[in-house]
C-alpha atoms as a PDB file:
ATOM      1  CA  MET A   1     145.148  58.323 107.032  1.00  0.00           C
ATOM      2  CA  LEU A   2     142.855  59.729 109.411  1.00  0.00           C
ATOM      3  CA  VAL A   3     139.499  61.121 108.240  1.00  0.00           C
ATOM      4  CA  ARG A   4     136.445  62.089 110.127  1.00  0.00           C
ATOM      5  CA  GLY A   5     133.394  59.636 109.673  1.00  0.00           C
ATOM      6  CA  SER A   6     130.036  60.630 108.371  1.00  0.00           C
ATOM      7  CA  TRP A   7     127.020  61.638 110.423  1.00  0.00           C
ATOM      8  CA  SER A   8     125.256  58.603 110.462  1.00  0.00           C
ATOM      9  CA  SER A   9     128.321  56.699 111.962  1.00  0.00           C
ATOM     10  CA  GLY A  10     128.169  59.072 114.753  1.00  0.00           C
ATOM     11  CA  TRP A  11     130.818  61.480 113.859  1.00  0.00           C
ATOM     12  CA  ARG A  12     133.492  59.123 114.894  1.00  0.00           C
ATOM     13  CA  TRP A  13     136.898  59.112 113.186  1.00  0.00           C
ATOM     14  CA  ALA A  14     137.599  56.438 110.818  1.00  0.00           C
ATOM     15  CA  VAL A  15     140.955  54.928 109.392  1.00  0.00           C
ATOM     16  CA  ARG A  16     141.191  54.946 105.849  1.00  0.00           C
ATOM     17  CA  THR A  17     143.922  53.881 103.350  1.00  0.00           C
ATOM     18  CA  ARG A  18     145.541  56.333 101.035  1.00  0.00           C
ATOM     19  CA  HIS A  19     143.982  54.619  97.961  1.00  0.00           C
ATOM     20  CA  GLN A  20     140.373  54.626  99.721  1.00  0.00           C
ATOM     21  CA  ALA A  21     140.657  58.297 100.136  1.00  0.00           C
ATOM     22  CA  GLU A  22     142.006  58.863  96.640  1.00  0.00           C
ATOM     23  CA  HIS A  23     139.211  56.742  94.984  1.00  0.00           C
ATOM     24  CA  GLN A  24     136.753  58.732  96.980  1.00  0.00           C
ATOM     25  CA  THR A  25     137.690  62.070  96.219  1.00  0.00           C
ATOM     26  CA  LYS A  26     138.131  61.023  92.517  1.00  0.00           C
ATOM     27  CA  HIS A  27     134.688  59.610  92.549  1.00  0.00           C
ATOM     28  CA  GLN A  28     133.005  62.630  93.951  1.00  0.00           C
ATOM     29  CA  THR A  29     134.797  64.855  91.810  1.00  0.00           C
ATOM     30  CA  LYS A  30     133.625  63.199  88.641  1.00  0.00           C
ATOM     31  CA  HIS A  31     129.946  62.886  89.800  1.00  0.00           C
ATOM     32  CA  GLN A  32     129.947  66.779  90.668  1.00  0.00           C
ATOM     33  CA  ALA A  33     131.551  67.760  87.348  1.00  0.00           C
ATOM     34  CA  GLU A  34     128.699  65.374  85.756  1.00  0.00           C
ATOM     35  CA  TYR A  35     126.127  67.139  87.806  1.00  0.00           C
ATOM     36  CA  GLN A  36     127.530  70.460  86.890  1.00  0.00           C
ATOM     37  CA  ALA A  37     127.300  69.820  83.145  1.00  0.00           C
ATOM     38  CA  GLU A  38     123.781  68.505  83.210  1.00  0.00           C
ATOM     39  CA  ARG A  39     122.811  71.568  85.143  1.00  0.00           C
ATOM     40  CA  GLU A  40     124.557  73.940  82.721  1.00  0.00           C
ATOM     41  CA  ALA A  41     122.905  71.999  79.664  1.00  0.00           C
ATOM     42  CA  ALA A  42     119.530  71.961  81.010  1.00  0.00           C
ATOM     43  CA  TYR A  43     119.083  75.245  82.849  1.00  0.00           C
ATOM     44  CA  GLY A  44     121.764  77.392  80.942  1.00  0.00           C
ATOM     45  CA  TRP A  45     123.450  78.529  84.217  1.00  0.00           C
ATOM     46  CA  LYS A  46     126.407  77.980  86.213  1.00  0.00           C
ATOM     47  CA  PRO A  47     126.865  76.903  89.825  1.00  0.00           C
ATOM     48  CA  GLY A  48     127.811  80.371  91.406  1.00  0.00           C
ATOM     49  CA  ALA A  49     125.337  82.138  89.021  1.00  0.00           C
ATOM     50  CA  LEU A  50     122.361  81.459  91.471  1.00  0.00           C
ATOM     51  CA  ARG A  51     124.327  82.998  94.144  1.00  0.00           C
ATOM     52  CA  ARG A  52     125.231  86.073  92.353  1.00  0.00           C
ATOM     53  CA  ALA A  53     121.581  86.374  91.023  1.00  0.00           C
ATOM     54  CA  ARG A  54     120.347  86.472  94.397  1.00  0.00           C
ATOM     55  CA  ARG A  55     123.079  88.935  96.081  1.00  0.00           C
ATOM     56  CA  ARG A  56     122.052  91.244  93.045  1.00  0.00           C
ATOM     57  CA  GLN A  57     118.349  90.539  93.902  1.00  0.00           C
ATOM     58  CA  ALA A  58     119.272  91.585  97.586  1.00  0.00           C
ATOM     59  CA  VAL A  59     121.147  94.552  96.545  1.00  0.00           C
ATOM     60  CA  ALA A  60     118.503  96.013  94.143  1.00  0.00           C
ATOM     61  CA  LEU A  61     115.748  95.351  96.806  1.00  0.00           C
ATOM     62  CA  SER A  62     117.734  97.143  99.641  1.00  0.00           C
ATOM     63  CA  ALA A  63     118.505 100.170  97.264  1.00  0.00           C
ATOM     64  CA  THR A  64     114.940 100.429  96.216  1.00  0.00           C
ATOM     65  CA  ALA A  65     113.724 100.224  99.803  1.00  0.00           C
ATOM     66  CA  VAL A  66     116.254 103.163 100.744  1.00  0.00           C
ATOM     67  CA  LEU A  67     115.020 105.098  97.734  1.00  0.00           C
ATOM     68  CA  LEU A  68     111.422 104.599  98.491  1.00  0.00           C
ATOM     69  CA  SER A  69     111.834 105.770 102.004  1.00  0.00           C
ATOM     70  CA  GLY A  70     113.734 108.812 101.068  1.00  0.00           C
ATOM     71  CA  ILE A  71     110.805 109.530  98.696  1.00  0.00           C
ATOM     72  CA  ALA A  72     108.119 109.175 101.272  1.00  0.00           C
ATOM     73  CA  LEU A  73     110.067 111.032 103.798  1.00  0.00           C
ATOM     74  CA  ALA A  74     110.565 113.844 101.399  1.00  0.00           C
ATOM     75  CA  ALA A  75     106.746 113.697 100.525  1.00  0.00           C
ATOM     76  CA  HIS A  76     105.988 114.059 104.128  1.00  0.00           C
ATOM     77  CA  THR A  77     108.334 117.042 104.852  1.00  0.00           C
ATOM     78  CA  HIS A  78     106.782 118.629 101.593  1.00  0.00           C
ATOM     79  CA  ALA A  79     103.073 118.207 102.988  1.00  0.00           C
ATOM     80  CA  ALA A  80     104.273 119.276 106.550  1.00  0.00           C
ATOM     81  CA  GLU A  81     105.581 122.612 104.965  1.00  0.00           C
ATOM     82  CA  LYS A  82     102.483 123.310 102.951  1.00  0.00           C
ATOM     83  CA  ASP A  83      99.665 122.992 105.483  1.00  0.00           C
ATOM     84  CA  VAL A  84      96.265 123.061 104.134  1.00  0.00           C
ATOM     85  CA  TYR A  85      93.857 125.453 106.049  1.00  0.00           C
ATOM     86  CA  VAL A  86      90.044 124.630 105.917  1.00  0.00           C
ATOM     87  CA  ALA A  87      87.413 126.703 107.489  1.00  0.00           C
ATOM     88  CA  SER A  88      85.524 125.356 110.288  1.00  0.00           C
ATOM     89  CA  CYS A  89      81.773 124.753 109.810  1.00  0.00           C
ATOM     90  CA  ARG A  90      78.849 123.558 111.413  1.00  0.00           C
ATOM     91  CA  THR A  91      75.314 122.427 110.074  1.00  0.00           C
ATOM     92  CA  SER A  92      71.901 122.994 111.531  1.00  0.00           C
ATOM     93  CA  VAL A  93      68.838 121.158 110.042  1.00  0.00           C
ATOM     94  CA  GLU A  94      65.400 122.904 111.031  1.00  0.00           C
ATOM     95  CA  GLY A  95      62.377 120.666 109.219  1.00  0.00           C
ATOM     96  CA  SER A  96      63.208 121.042 105.477  1.00  0.00           C
ATOM     97  CA  ARG A  97      65.921 123.917 105.819  1.00  0.00           C
ATOM     98  CA  VAL A  98      69.613 123.263 106.122  1.00  0.00           C
ATOM     99  CA  THR A  99      71.800 126.210 107.215  1.00  0.00           C
ATOM    100  CA  ALA A 100      75.844 125.861 107.278  1.00  0.00           C
ATOM    101  CA  TYR A 101      77.678 128.551 109.573  1.00  0.00           C
ATOM    102  CA  CYS A 102      81.524 128.771 108.303  1.00  0.00           C
ATOM    103  CA  HIS A 103      84.262 130.746 110.335  1.00  0.00           C
ATOM    104  CA  ASN A 104      87.868 130.677 108.801  1.00  0.00           C
ATOM    105  CA  PRO A 105      90.458 131.491 111.442  1.00  0.00           C
ATOM    106  CA  ASN A 106      93.279 130.506 109.125  1.00  0.00           C
ATOM    107  CA  PRO A 107      95.566 132.595 107.048  1.00  0.00           C
ATOM    108  CA  GLY A 108      94.289 130.998 103.803  1.00  0.00           C
ATOM    109  CA  THR A 109      91.390 131.442 101.881  1.00  0.00           C
ATOM    110  CA  ASP A 110      88.749 128.386 101.651  1.00  0.00           C
ATOM    111  CA  ARG A 111      86.103 127.785  99.192  1.00  0.00           C
ATOM    112  CA  VAL A 112      83.246 126.216 100.727  1.00  0.00           C
ATOM    113  CA  GLN A 113      79.859 124.516  99.488  1.00  0.00           C
ATOM    114  CA  LEU A 114      76.725 123.175 101.132  1.00  0.00           C
ATOM    115  CA  HIS A 115      75.369 119.962  99.625  1.00  0.00           C
ATOM    116  CA  VAL A 116      71.975 118.644 100.567  1.00  0.00           C
ATOM    117  CA  GLU A 117      70.472 115.274  99.888  1.00  0.00           C
ATOM    118  CA  CYS A 118      66.539 115.067 100.209  1.00  0.00           C
ATOM    119  CA  ALA A 119      64.851 112.130 101.890  1.00  0.00           C
ATOM    120  CA  ARG A 120      62.036 111.757  99.022  1.00  0.00           C
ATOM    121  CA  TRP A 121      62.911 110.106  95.574  1.00  0.00           C
ATOM    122  CA  TRP A 122      61.230 112.665  93.741  1.00  0.00           C
ATOM    123  CA  ASP A 123      62.649 115.695  95.868  1.00  0.00           C
ATOM    124  CA  ILE A 124      65.573 117.090  93.973  1.00  0.00           C
ATOM    125  CA  ASP A 125      69.065 117.188  95.792  1.00  0.00           C
ATOM    126  CA  SER A 126      70.839 120.575  95.966  1.00  0.00           C
ATOM    127  CA  ASP A 127      74.255 122.308  96.061  1.00  0.00           C
ATOM    128  CA  SER A 128      74.799 125.927  96.937  1.00  0.00           C
ATOM    129  CA  ALA A 129      77.075 128.039  95.144  1.00  0.00           C
ATOM    130  CA  PRO A 130      80.913 128.022  96.191  1.00  0.00           C
ATOM    131  CA  VAL A 131      81.714 130.770  98.477  1.00  0.00           C
ATOM    132  CA  GLU A 132      85.052 131.920  99.321  1.00  0.00           C
ATOM    133  CA  VAL A 133      85.765 132.458 102.812  1.00  0.00           C
ATOM    134  CA  GLY A 134      88.804 134.499 103.633  1.00  0.00           C
ATOM    135  CA  PRO A 135      90.992 134.895 106.453  1.00  0.00           C
ATOM    136  CA  THR A 136      89.034 135.858 109.806  1.00  0.00           C
ATOM    137  CA  ALA A 137      85.700 135.946 107.472  1.00  0.00           C
ATOM    138  CA  TYR A 138      82.322 134.293 108.322  1.00  0.00           C
ATOM    139  CA  ALA A 139      79.840 132.818 105.688  1.00  0.00           C
ATOM    140  CA  GLU A 140      76.238 131.211 106.071  1.00  0.00           C
ATOM    141  CA  LEU A 141      74.923 128.910 103.443  1.00  0.00           C
ATOM    142  CA  THR A 142      71.374 127.731 103.302  1.00  0.00           C
ATOM    143  CA  GLN A 143      69.530 125.176 101.144  1.00  0.00           C
ATOM    144  CA  ARG A 144      66.093 123.593 101.504  1.00  0.00           C
ATOM    145  CA  CYS A 145      64.272 120.337 100.340  1.00  0.00           C
ATOM    146  CA  TRP A 146      60.412 120.325  99.838  1.00  0.00           C
ATOM    147  CA  LYS A 147      59.983 117.753 102.589  1.00  0.00           C
ATOM    148  CA  GLU A 148      62.469 115.979 104.685  1.00  0.00           C
ATOM    149  CA  VAL A 149      66.348 116.253 104.846  1.00  0.00           C
ATOM    150  CA  ARG A 150      68.246 113.025 104.364  1.00  0.00           C
ATOM    151  CA  GLU A 151      71.946 114.231 104.430  1.00  0.00           C
ATOM    152  CA  ALA A 152      73.727 117.670 104.436  1.00  0.00           C
ATOM    153  CA  TRP A 153      77.615 118.056 104.238  1.00  0.00           C
ATOM    154  CA  ILE A 154      79.906 120.819 103.430  1.00  0.00           C
ATOM    155  CA  SER A 155      82.885 120.544 100.942  1.00  0.00           C
ATOM    156  CA  HIS A 156      86.163 122.371 101.199  1.00  0.00           C
ATOM    157  CA  GLN A 157      88.355 123.605  98.536  1.00  0.00           C
ATOM    158  CA  PRO A 158      91.576 125.487  99.475  1.00  0.00           C
ATOM    159  CA  VAL A 159      92.135 128.765  96.967  1.00  0.00           C
ATOM    160  CA  PRO A 160      95.771 129.018  95.950  1.00  0.00           C
ATOM    161  CA  ASP A 161      97.699 132.189  96.894  1.00  0.00           C
ATOM    162  CA  ARG A 162      97.422 134.722  94.168  1.00  0.00           C
ATOM    163  CA  ARG A 163     100.929 135.905  94.778  1.00  0.00           C
END
């Protein structure tokens, strides 16, 4: 009987008797059965269970990836359908006085508010009252500090349609 040799023998063909081949097969089968029984007793799973579990994990992972990409695409599409328009504003600081000039060229109404942070620790920071700037409207907001101005910014809050 001709059988292929092991890797250590350089993959050469070796001549074995029928008895040697049967003995080796019985010996390997006996050890494999013992090893599998030990694994089942120790870990509580069978040899093919790991492959099946990995296959299930791969299927679940790919299904989750497909669902998440679909949700992200739907959210992006929804955000694109409902554009948020804000007024364009610029600020001017002259000494301790801050003025914000806002113009809304968009079809939606925008609620703007001027925030001023004063430089001195004892000077009170101030926020203007929110002003709704409608489509094609213009608004001017002013605030002041007693001394220097450290920072000034404008916040926007789109007003939902009243339809």
